[in-house]
Amino acid sequence: MNEGKWVYFEFQEMSKSGKTERYTVRSKQGNLYIGEVRWNAPWRKYAFFPYNDTLYEQDCLRDIAKLLDELMQERKQNSLQDYLQVVIGEDSLGRWK
């Protein structure tokens, strides 16, 4: 489980395609569920989906933004590796051809 100053990020599941992840976001104070981080297809990026009647201050929002940045960086890296595997190819041992 990842955590920030005021929140925990708890991995929930992979998407059916296996390409994206979903996390629940809980407050450290009161251990309340305050939202989810998941893929937003129209925006082509991860986004935070807050639950109703939740309130955030700047440190909490920075922690959430940091997780979004990390997930997008990981996705870009994986996309590049997938592209290179298709273009260049790998042998059965995972070595580049």
PDB file of N, CA and C in Angstrom:
ATOM      1  N   MET A   1       0.857  -1.176   0.000  1.00  0.00           N
ATOM      2  CA  MET A   1       0.000   0.000   0.000  1.00  0.00           C
ATOM      3  C   MET A   1       0.901   1.236   0.000  1.00  0.00           C
ATOM      4  N   ASN A   2       0.645   2.159  -0.902  1.00  0.00           N
ATOM      5  CA  ASN A   2       1.347   3.439  -0.940  1.00  0.00           C
ATOM      6  C   ASN A   2       0.694   4.387   0.055  1.00  0.00           C
ATOM      7  N   GLU A   3       1.446   5.377   0.469  1.00  0.00           N
ATOM      8  CA  GLU A   3       0.831   6.366   1.346  1.00  0.00           C
ATOM      9  C   GLU A   3       1.477   7.715   1.166  1.00  0.00           C
ATOM     10  N   GLY A   4       0.701   8.732   1.457  1.00  0.00           N
ATOM     11  CA  GLY A   4       1.174  10.102   1.463  1.00  0.00           C
ATOM     12  C   GLY A   4       1.121  10.623   2.885  1.00  0.00           C
ATOM     13  N   LYS A   5       1.183  11.928   3.027  1.00  0.00           N
ATOM     14  CA  LYS A   5       1.162  12.539   4.348  1.00  0.00           C
ATOM     15  C   LYS A   5      -0.176  12.323   5.056  1.00  0.00           C
ATOM     16  N   TRP A   6      -1.285  12.452   4.313  1.00  0.00           N
ATOM     17  CA  TRP A   6      -2.618  12.378   4.915  1.00  0.00           C
ATOM     18  C   TRP A   6      -3.487  11.263   4.362  1.00  0.00           C
ATOM     19  N   VAL A   7      -2.994  10.527   3.363  1.00  0.00           N
ATOM     20  CA  VAL A   7      -3.837   9.511   2.717  1.00  0.00           C
ATOM     21  C   VAL A   7      -3.069   8.217   2.467  1.00  0.00           C
ATOM     22  N   TYR A   8      -3.835   7.133   2.348  1.00  0.00           N
ATOM     23  CA  TYR A   8      -3.330   5.835   1.916  1.00  0.00           C
ATOM     24  C   TYR A   8      -3.881   5.551   0.530  1.00  0.00           C
ATOM     25  N   PHE A   9      -3.078   4.898  -0.310  1.00  0.00           N
ATOM     26  CA  PHE A   9      -3.541   4.434  -1.610  1.00  0.00           C
ATOM     27  C   PHE A   9      -3.497   2.918  -1.593  1.00  0.00           C
ATOM     28  N   GLU A  10      -4.620   2.290  -1.769  1.00  0.00           N
ATOM     29  CA  GLU A  10      -4.729   0.842  -1.673  1.00  0.00           C
ATOM     30  C   GLU A  10      -5.084   0.263  -3.035  1.00  0.00           C
ATOM     31  N   PHE A  11      -4.171  -0.558  -3.598  1.00  0.00           N
ATOM     32  CA  PHE A  11      -4.424  -1.190  -4.888  1.00  0.00           C
ATOM     33  C   PHE A  11      -5.657  -2.076  -4.787  1.00  0.00           C
ATOM     34  N   GLN A  12      -6.553  -1.982  -5.758  1.00  0.00           N
ATOM     35  CA  GLN A  12      -7.772  -2.787  -5.758  1.00  0.00           C
ATOM     36  C   GLN A  12      -7.743  -3.876  -6.813  1.00  0.00           C
ATOM     37  N   GLU A  13      -7.501  -3.486  -8.069  1.00  0.00           N
ATOM     38  CA  GLU A  13      -7.558  -4.485  -9.132  1.00  0.00           C
ATOM     39  C   GLU A  13      -6.991  -3.923 -10.420  1.00  0.00           C
ATOM     40  N   MET A  14      -6.681  -4.840 -11.325  1.00  0.00           N
ATOM     41  CA  MET A  14      -6.322  -4.475 -12.692  1.00  0.00           C
ATOM     42  C   MET A  14      -7.603  -4.422 -13.507  1.00  0.00           C
ATOM     43  N   SER A  15      -7.577  -3.648 -14.570  1.00  0.00           N
ATOM     44  CA  SER A  15      -8.726  -3.609 -15.471  1.00  0.00           C
ATOM     45  C   SER A  15      -8.855  -4.950 -16.184  1.00  0.00           C
ATOM     46  N   LYS A  16      -9.980  -5.160 -16.834  1.00  0.00           N
ATOM     47  CA  LYS A  16     -10.184  -6.409 -17.575  1.00  0.00           C
ATOM     48  C   LYS A  16      -9.133  -6.588 -18.660  1.00  0.00           C
ATOM     49  N   SER A  17      -8.683  -5.483 -19.238  1.00  0.00           N
ATOM     50  CA  SER A  17      -7.657  -5.553 -20.285  1.00  0.00           C
ATOM     51  C   SER A  17      -6.273  -5.831 -19.697  1.00  0.00           C
ATOM     52  N   GLY A  18      -6.114  -5.603 -18.384  1.00  0.00           N
ATOM     53  CA  GLY A  18      -4.825  -5.795 -17.742  1.00  0.00           C
ATOM     54  C   GLY A  18      -3.862  -4.638 -17.945  1.00  0.00           C
ATOM     55  N   LYS A  19      -4.339  -3.542 -18.519  1.00  0.00           N
ATOM     56  CA  LYS A  19      -3.467  -2.417 -18.827  1.00  0.00           C
ATOM     57  C   LYS A  19      -3.494  -1.304 -17.783  1.00  0.00           C
ATOM     58  N   THR A  20      -4.558  -1.206 -17.007  1.00  0.00           N
ATOM     59  CA  THR A  20      -4.656  -0.118 -16.033  1.00  0.00           C
ATOM     60  C   THR A  20      -4.993  -0.666 -14.651  1.00  0.00           C
ATOM     61  N   GLU A  21      -4.744   0.169 -13.647  1.00  0.00           N
ATOM     62  CA  GLU A  21      -4.944  -0.212 -12.260  1.00  0.00           C
ATOM     63  C   GLU A  21      -6.000   0.677 -11.619  1.00  0.00           C
ATOM     64  N   ARG A  22      -6.563   0.199 -10.501  1.00  0.00           N
ATOM     65  CA  ARG A  22      -7.525   0.996  -9.738  1.00  0.00           C
ATOM     66  C   ARG A  22      -7.100   0.978  -8.280  1.00  0.00           C
ATOM     67  N   TYR A  23      -7.123   2.152  -7.664  1.00  0.00           N
ATOM     68  CA  TYR A  23      -6.755   2.312  -6.259  1.00  0.00           C
ATOM     69  C   TYR A  23      -7.887   2.997  -5.513  1.00  0.00           C
ATOM     70  N   THR A  24      -8.098   2.603  -4.261  1.00  0.00           N
ATOM     71  CA  THR A  24      -8.973   3.378  -3.394  1.00  0.00           C
ATOM     72  C   THR A  24      -8.087   4.329  -2.597  1.00  0.00           C
ATOM     73  N   VAL A  25      -8.652   5.458  -2.228  1.00  0.00           N
ATOM     74  CA  VAL A  25      -7.932   6.460  -1.457  1.00  0.00           C
ATOM     75  C   VAL A  25      -8.641   6.595  -0.119  1.00  0.00           C
ATOM     76  N   ARG A  26      -7.858   6.425   0.972  1.00  0.00           N
ATOM     77  CA  ARG A  26      -8.413   6.523   2.328  1.00  0.00           C
ATOM     78  C   ARG A  26      -7.667   7.581   3.107  1.00  0.00           C
ATOM     79  N   SER A  27      -8.391   8.264   3.973  1.00  0.00           N
ATOM     80  CA  SER A  27      -7.757   9.256   4.843  1.00  0.00           C
ATOM     81  C   SER A  27      -7.061   8.540   5.995  1.00  0.00           C
ATOM     82  N   LYS A  28      -5.942   9.084   6.418  1.00  0.00           N
ATOM     83  CA  LYS A  28      -5.265   8.535   7.594  1.00  0.00           C
ATOM     84  C   LYS A  28      -6.033   8.884   8.858  1.00  0.00           C
ATOM     85  N   GLN A  29      -6.652  10.045   8.865  1.00  0.00           N
ATOM     86  CA  GLN A  29      -7.458  10.466  10.008  1.00  0.00           C
ATOM     87  C   GLN A  29      -8.866   9.916   9.826  1.00  0.00           C
ATOM     88  N   GLY A  30      -9.242   8.967  10.625  1.00  0.00           N
ATOM     89  CA  GLY A  30     -10.569   8.372  10.538  1.00  0.00           C
ATOM     90  C   GLY A  30     -10.650   7.173   9.615  1.00  0.00           C
ATOM     91  N   ASN A  31      -9.581   6.926   8.817  1.00  0.00           N
ATOM     92  CA  ASN A  31      -9.534   5.773   7.931  1.00  0.00           C
ATOM     93  C   ASN A  31     -10.763   5.698   7.010  1.00  0.00           C
ATOM     94  N   LEU A  32     -11.206   6.849   6.514  1.00  0.00           N
ATOM     95  CA  LEU A  32     -12.397   6.913   5.668  1.00  0.00           C
ATOM     96  C   LEU A  32     -12.026   6.802   4.194  1.00  0.00           C
ATOM     97  N   TYR A  33     -12.871   6.127   3.424  1.00  0.00           N
ATOM     98  CA  TYR A  33     -12.688   6.081   1.975  1.00  0.00           C
ATOM     99  C   TYR A  33     -13.132   7.419   1.410  1.00  0.00           C
ATOM    100  N   ILE A  34     -12.229   8.071   0.664  1.00  0.00           N
ATOM    101  CA  ILE A  34     -12.547   9.407   0.153  1.00  0.00           C
ATOM    102  C   ILE A  34     -12.585   9.474  -1.370  1.00  0.00           C
ATOM    103  N   GLY A  35     -12.189   8.409  -2.050  1.00  0.00           N
ATOM    104  CA  GLY A  35     -12.253   8.426  -3.505  1.00  0.00           C
ATOM    105  C   GLY A  35     -11.499   7.272  -4.127  1.00  0.00           C
ATOM    106  N   GLU A  36     -11.377   7.331  -5.453  1.00  0.00           N
ATOM    107  CA  GLU A  36     -10.675   6.306  -6.224  1.00  0.00           C
ATOM    108  C   GLU A  36      -9.766   6.963  -7.253  1.00  0.00           C
ATOM    109  N   VAL A  37      -8.675   6.292  -7.558  1.00  0.00           N
ATOM    110  CA  VAL A  37      -7.824   6.649  -8.682  1.00  0.00           C
ATOM    111  C   VAL A  37      -7.992   5.530  -9.692  1.00  0.00           C
ATOM    112  N   ARG A  38      -8.381   5.922 -10.915  1.00  0.00           N
ATOM    113  CA  ARG A  38      -8.567   4.928 -11.973  1.00  0.00           C
ATOM    114  C   ARG A  38      -8.392   5.592 -13.326  1.00  0.00           C
ATOM    115  N   TRP A  39      -8.323   4.780 -14.363  1.00  0.00           N
ATOM    116  CA  TRP A  39      -8.125   5.263 -15.721  1.00  0.00           C
ATOM    117  C   TRP A  39      -9.379   5.980 -16.211  1.00  0.00           C
ATOM    118  N   ASN A  40      -9.180   7.137 -16.835  1.00  0.00           N
ATOM    119  CA  ASN A  40     -10.269   7.886 -17.448  1.00  0.00           C
ATOM    120  C   ASN A  40     -10.030   7.863 -18.955  1.00  0.00           C
ATOM    121  N   ALA A  41     -10.759   7.014 -19.662  1.00  0.00           N
ATOM    122  CA  ALA A  41     -10.535   6.810 -21.097  1.00  0.00           C
ATOM    123  C   ALA A  41     -10.665   8.089 -21.930  1.00  0.00           C
ATOM    124  N   PRO A  42     -11.700   8.940 -21.707  1.00  0.00           N
ATOM    125  CA  PRO A  42     -11.785  10.144 -22.536  1.00  0.00           C
ATOM    126  C   PRO A  42     -10.559  11.059 -22.411  1.00  0.00           C
ATOM    127  N   TRP A  43      -9.949  11.109 -21.228  1.00  0.00           N
ATOM    128  CA  TRP A  43      -8.768  11.947 -21.019  1.00  0.00           C
ATOM    129  C   TRP A  43      -7.481  11.207 -21.346  1.00  0.00           C
ATOM    130  N   ARG A  44      -7.541   9.877 -21.501  1.00  0.00           N
ATOM    131  CA  ARG A  44      -6.379   9.027 -21.765  1.00  0.00           C
ATOM    132  C   ARG A  44      -5.319   9.180 -20.676  1.00  0.00           C
ATOM    133  N   LYS A  45      -5.796   9.203 -19.414  1.00  0.00           N
ATOM    134  CA  LYS A  45      -4.877   9.287 -18.279  1.00  0.00           C
ATOM    135  C   LYS A  45      -5.598   8.874 -17.007  1.00  0.00           C
ATOM    136  N   TYR A  46      -4.815   8.648 -15.976  1.00  0.00           N
ATOM    137  CA  TYR A  46      -5.383   8.364 -14.663  1.00  0.00           C
ATOM    138  C   TYR A  46      -5.973   9.639 -14.083  1.00  0.00           C
ATOM    139  N   ALA A  47      -7.036   9.490 -13.309  1.00  0.00           N
ATOM    140  CA  ALA A  47      -7.690  10.639 -12.679  1.00  0.00           C
ATOM    141  C   ALA A  47      -8.172  10.230 -11.296  1.00  0.00           C
ATOM    142  N   PHE A  48      -8.399  11.230 -10.458  1.00  0.00           N
ATOM    143  CA  PHE A  48      -8.950  11.019  -9.126  1.00  0.00           C
ATOM    144  C   PHE A  48     -10.452  11.268  -9.180  1.00  0.00           C
ATOM    145  N   PHE A  49     -11.212  10.314  -8.673  1.00  0.00           N
ATOM    146  CA  PHE A  49     -12.672  10.409  -8.618  1.00  0.00           C
ATOM    147  C   PHE A  49     -13.067  10.510  -7.144  1.00  0.00           C
ATOM    148  N   PRO A  50     -13.282  11.735  -6.640  1.00  0.00           N
ATOM    149  CA  PRO A  50     -13.609  11.898  -5.213  1.00  0.00           C
ATOM    150  C   PRO A  50     -15.026  11.430  -4.912  1.00  0.00           C
ATOM    151  N   TYR A  51     -15.200  10.903  -3.720  1.00  0.00           N
ATOM    152  CA  TYR A  51     -16.539  10.544  -3.263  1.00  0.00           C
ATOM    153  C   TYR A  51     -17.281  11.812  -2.838  1.00  0.00           C
ATOM    154  N   ASN A  52     -18.595  11.744  -2.799  1.00  0.00           N
ATOM    155  CA  ASN A  52     -19.415  12.882  -2.397  1.00  0.00           C
ATOM    156  C   ASN A  52     -19.072  13.333  -0.978  1.00  0.00           C
ATOM    157  N   ASP A  53     -19.207  14.616  -0.758  1.00  0.00           N
ATOM    158  CA  ASP A  53     -19.034  15.232   0.562  1.00  0.00           C
ATOM    159  C   ASP A  53     -17.657  14.973   1.164  1.00  0.00           C
ATOM    160  N   THR A  54     -16.618  15.019   0.326  1.00  0.00           N
ATOM    161  CA  THR A  54     -15.249  14.913   0.825  1.00  0.00           C
ATOM    162  C   THR A  54     -14.554  16.253   0.630  1.00  0.00           C
ATOM    163  N   LEU A  55     -13.575  16.522   1.476  1.00  0.00           N
ATOM    164  CA  LEU A  55     -12.890  17.807   1.486  1.00  0.00           C
ATOM    165  C   LEU A  55     -11.390  17.554   1.462  1.00  0.00           C
ATOM    166  N   TYR A  56     -10.643  18.402   0.732  1.00  0.00           N
ATOM    167  CA  TYR A  56      -9.206  18.192   0.552  1.00  0.00           C
ATOM    168  C   TYR A  56      -8.451  19.488   0.751  1.00  0.00           C
ATOM    169  N   GLU A  57      -7.243  19.362   1.309  1.00  0.00           N
ATOM    170  CA  GLU A  57      -6.353  20.505   1.400  1.00  0.00           C
ATOM    171  C   GLU A  57      -5.154  20.229   0.498  1.00  0.00           C
ATOM    172  N   GLN A  58      -4.251  21.196   0.381  1.00  0.00           N
ATOM    173  CA  GLN A  58      -3.207  21.132  -0.637  1.00  0.00           C
ATOM    174  C   GLN A  58      -2.256  19.948  -0.471  1.00  0.00           C
ATOM    175  N   ASP A  59      -1.887  19.557   0.747  1.00  0.00           N
ATOM    176  CA  ASP A  59      -0.981  18.419   0.918  1.00  0.00           C
ATOM    177  C   ASP A  59      -1.623  17.124   0.445  1.00  0.00           C
ATOM    178  N   CYS A  60      -2.881  16.950   0.756  1.00  0.00           N
ATOM    179  CA  CYS A  60      -3.610  15.759   0.323  1.00  0.00           C
ATOM    180  C   CYS A  60      -3.684  15.725  -1.207  1.00  0.00           C
ATOM    181  N   LEU A  61      -3.983  16.861  -1.812  1.00  0.00           N
ATOM    182  CA  LEU A  61      -4.077  16.929  -3.272  1.00  0.00           C
ATOM    183  C   LEU A  61      -2.722  16.685  -3.926  1.00  0.00           C
ATOM    184  N   ARG A  62      -1.648  17.149  -3.299  1.00  0.00           N
ATOM    185  CA  ARG A  62      -0.302  16.880  -3.829  1.00  0.00           C
ATOM    186  C   ARG A  62       0.009  15.391  -3.794  1.00  0.00           C
ATOM    187  N   ASP A  63      -0.372  14.717  -2.700  1.00  0.00           N
ATOM    188  CA  ASP A  63      -0.149  13.271  -2.605  1.00  0.00           C
ATOM    189  C   ASP A  63      -0.900  12.538  -3.706  1.00  0.00           C
ATOM    190  N   ILE A  64      -2.128  12.932  -3.959  1.00  0.00           N
ATOM    191  CA  ILE A  64      -2.936  12.308  -5.005  1.00  0.00           C
ATOM    192  C   ILE A  64      -2.321  12.593  -6.370  1.00  0.00           C
ATOM    193  N   ALA A  65      -1.916  13.846  -6.597  1.00  0.00           N
ATOM    194  CA  ALA A  65      -1.292  14.213  -7.875  1.00  0.00           C
ATOM    195  C   ALA A  65       0.005  13.445  -8.093  1.00  0.00           C
ATOM    196  N   LYS A  66       0.770  13.223  -7.024  1.00  0.00           N
ATOM    197  CA  LYS A  66       2.020  12.463  -7.140  1.00  0.00           C
ATOM    198  C   LYS A  66       1.739  11.033  -7.590  1.00  0.00           C
ATOM    199  N   LEU A  67       0.708  10.400  -7.015  1.00  0.00           N
ATOM    200  CA  LEU A  67       0.355   9.047  -7.447  1.00  0.00           C
ATOM    201  C   LEU A  67      -0.069   9.053  -8.918  1.00  0.00           C
ATOM    202  N   LEU A  68      -0.866  10.034  -9.325  1.00  0.00           N
ATOM    203  CA  LEU A  68      -1.288  10.130 -10.730  1.00  0.00           C
ATOM    204  C   LEU A  68      -0.074  10.245 -11.651  1.00  0.00           C
ATOM    205  N   ASP A  69       0.886  11.079 -11.276  1.00  0.00           N
ATOM    206  CA  ASP A  69       2.106  11.241 -12.075  1.00  0.00           C
ATOM    207  C   ASP A  69       2.890   9.934 -12.159  1.00  0.00           C
ATOM    208  N   GLU A  70       3.017   9.238 -11.032  1.00  0.00           N
ATOM    209  CA  GLU A  70       3.762   7.976 -11.013  1.00  0.00           C
ATOM    210  C   GLU A  70       3.085   6.922 -11.892  1.00  0.00           C
ATOM    211  N   LEU A  71       1.762   6.833 -11.815  1.00  0.00           N
ATOM    212  CA  LEU A  71       1.039   5.855 -12.633  1.00  0.00           C
ATOM    213  C   LEU A  71       1.179   6.172 -14.121  1.00  0.00           C
ATOM    214  N   MET A  72       1.126   7.454 -14.472  1.00  0.00           N
ATOM    215  CA  MET A  72       1.274   7.831 -15.881  1.00  0.00           C
ATOM    216  C   MET A  72       2.696   7.562 -16.373  1.00  0.00           C
ATOM    217  N   GLN A  73       3.689   7.831 -15.542  1.00  0.00           N
ATOM    218  CA  GLN A  73       5.069   7.553 -15.928  1.00  0.00           C
ATOM    219  C   GLN A  73       5.268   6.052 -16.150  1.00  0.00           C
ATOM    220  N   GLU A  74       4.720   5.254 -15.248  1.00  0.00           N
ATOM    221  CA  GLU A  74       4.805   3.792 -15.377  1.00  0.00           C
ATOM    222  C   GLU A  74       4.115   3.328 -16.654  1.00  0.00           C
ATOM    223  N   ARG A  75       2.953   3.897 -16.944  1.00  0.00           N
ATOM    224  CA  ARG A  75       2.215   3.514 -18.153  1.00  0.00           C
ATOM    225  C   ARG A  75       2.993   3.876 -19.417  1.00  0.00           C
ATOM    226  N   LYS A  76       3.594   5.071 -19.433  1.00  0.00           N
ATOM    227  CA  LYS A  76       4.387   5.483 -20.594  1.00  0.00           C
ATOM    228  C   LYS A  76       5.581   4.551 -20.792  1.00  0.00           C
ATOM    229  N   GLN A  77       6.236   4.193 -19.693  1.00  0.00           N
ATOM    230  CA  GLN A  77       7.381   3.292 -19.774  1.00  0.00           C
ATOM    231  C   GLN A  77       6.953   1.929 -20.312  1.00  0.00           C
ATOM    232  N   ASN A  78       5.841   1.403 -19.799  1.00  0.00           N
ATOM    233  CA  ASN A  78       5.340   0.108 -20.267  1.00  0.00           C
ATOM    234  C   ASN A  78       4.915   0.175 -21.721  1.00  0.00           C
ATOM    235  N   SER A  79       4.312   1.285 -22.140  1.00  0.00           N
ATOM    236  CA  SER A  79       3.895   1.443 -23.529  1.00  0.00           C
ATOM    237  C   SER A  79       5.097   1.445 -24.452  1.00  0.00           C
ATOM    238  N   LEU A  80       6.173   2.116 -24.034  1.00  0.00           N
ATOM    239  CA  LEU A  80       7.390   2.142 -24.833  1.00  0.00           C
ATOM    240  C   LEU A  80       7.979   0.738 -24.953  1.00  0.00           C
ATOM    241  N   GLN A  81       8.003  -0.002 -23.858  1.00  0.00           N
ATOM    242  CA  GLN A  81       8.522  -1.366 -23.898  1.00  0.00           C
ATOM    243  C   GLN A  81       7.671  -2.254 -24.795  1.00  0.00           C
ATOM    244  N   ASP A  82       6.355  -2.115 -24.709  1.00  0.00           N
ATOM    245  CA  ASP A  82       5.456  -2.897 -25.576  1.00  0.00           C
ATOM    246  C   ASP A  82       5.705  -2.572 -27.034  1.00  0.00           C
ATOM    247  N   TYR A  83       5.870  -1.288 -27.342  1.00  0.00           N
ATOM    248  CA  TYR A  83       6.117  -0.851 -28.721  1.00  0.00           C
ATOM    249  C   TYR A  83       7.427  -1.448 -29.232  1.00  0.00           C
ATOM    250  N   LEU A  84       8.479  -1.373 -28.416  1.00  0.00           N
ATOM    251  CA  LEU A  84       9.765  -1.913 -28.832  1.00  0.00           C
ATOM    252  C   LEU A  84       9.702  -3.422 -29.039  1.00  0.00           C
ATOM    253  N   GLN A  85       8.921  -4.122 -28.233  1.00  0.00           N
ATOM    254  CA  GLN A  85       8.784  -5.563 -28.416  1.00  0.00           C
ATOM    255  C   GLN A  85       8.140  -5.880 -29.759  1.00  0.00           C
ATOM    256  N   VAL A  86       7.170  -5.076 -30.158  1.00  0.00           N
ATOM    257  CA  VAL A  86       6.494  -5.300 -31.440  1.00  0.00           C
ATOM    258  C   VAL A  86       7.421  -4.949 -32.594  1.00  0.00           C
ATOM    259  N   VAL A  87       8.099  -3.810 -32.505  1.00  0.00           N
ATOM    260  CA  VAL A  87       8.940  -3.338 -33.599  1.00  0.00           C
ATOM    261  C   VAL A  87      10.226  -4.150 -33.717  1.00  0.00           C
ATOM    262  N   ILE A  88      10.913  -4.340 -32.584  1.00  0.00           N
ATOM    263  CA  ILE A  88      12.208  -5.016 -32.609  1.00  0.00           C
ATOM    264  C   ILE A  88      12.050  -6.509 -32.355  1.00  0.00           C
ATOM    265  N   GLY A  89      11.197  -6.852 -31.418  1.00  0.00           N
ATOM    266  CA  GLY A  89      10.971  -8.250 -31.079  1.00  0.00           C
ATOM    267  C   GLY A  89      11.921  -8.755 -30.013  1.00  0.00           C
ATOM    268  N   GLU A  90      11.522  -9.828 -29.356  1.00  0.00           N
ATOM    269  CA  GLU A  90      12.338 -10.503 -28.348  1.00  0.00           C
ATOM    270  C   GLU A  90      12.391 -11.978 -28.674  1.00  0.00           C
ATOM    271  N   ASP A  91      13.447 -12.643 -28.222  1.00  0.00           N
ATOM    272  CA  ASP A  91      13.471 -14.092 -28.353  1.00  0.00           C
ATOM    273  C   ASP A  91      12.762 -14.708 -27.151  1.00  0.00           C
ATOM    274  N   SER A  92      12.738 -16.024 -27.063  1.00  0.00           N
ATOM    275  CA  SER A  92      11.998 -16.705 -26.007  1.00  0.00           C
ATOM    276  C   SER A  92      12.572 -16.458 -24.608  1.00  0.00           C
ATOM    277  N   LEU A  93      13.814 -15.965 -24.527  1.00  0.00           N
ATOM    278  CA  LEU A  93      14.450 -15.669 -23.237  1.00  0.00           C
ATOM    279  C   LEU A  93      14.308 -14.200 -22.857  1.00  0.00           C
ATOM    280  N   GLY A  94      13.577 -13.438 -23.650  1.00  0.00           N
ATOM    281  CA  GLY A  94      13.377 -12.038 -23.328  1.00  0.00           C
ATOM    282  C   GLY A  94      14.507 -11.131 -23.788  1.00  0.00           C
ATOM    283  N   ARG A  95      15.402 -11.656 -24.616  1.00  0.00           N
ATOM    284  CA  ARG A  95      16.493 -10.855 -25.146  1.00  0.00           C
ATOM    285  C   ARG A  95      16.057 -10.185 -26.443  1.00  0.00           C
ATOM    286  N   TRP A  96      16.532  -8.945 -26.645  1.00  0.00           N
ATOM    287  CA  TRP A  96      16.198  -8.248 -27.894  1.00  0.00           C
ATOM    288  C   TRP A  96      16.856  -8.917 -29.079  1.00  0.00           C
ATOM    289  N   LYS A  97      16.124  -9.019 -30.162  1.00  0.00           N
ATOM    290  CA  LYS A  97      16.683  -9.606 -31.399  1.00  0.00           C
ATOM    291  C   LYS A  97      17.478  -8.579 -32.154  1.00  0.00           C
TER     292      LYS A  97
END
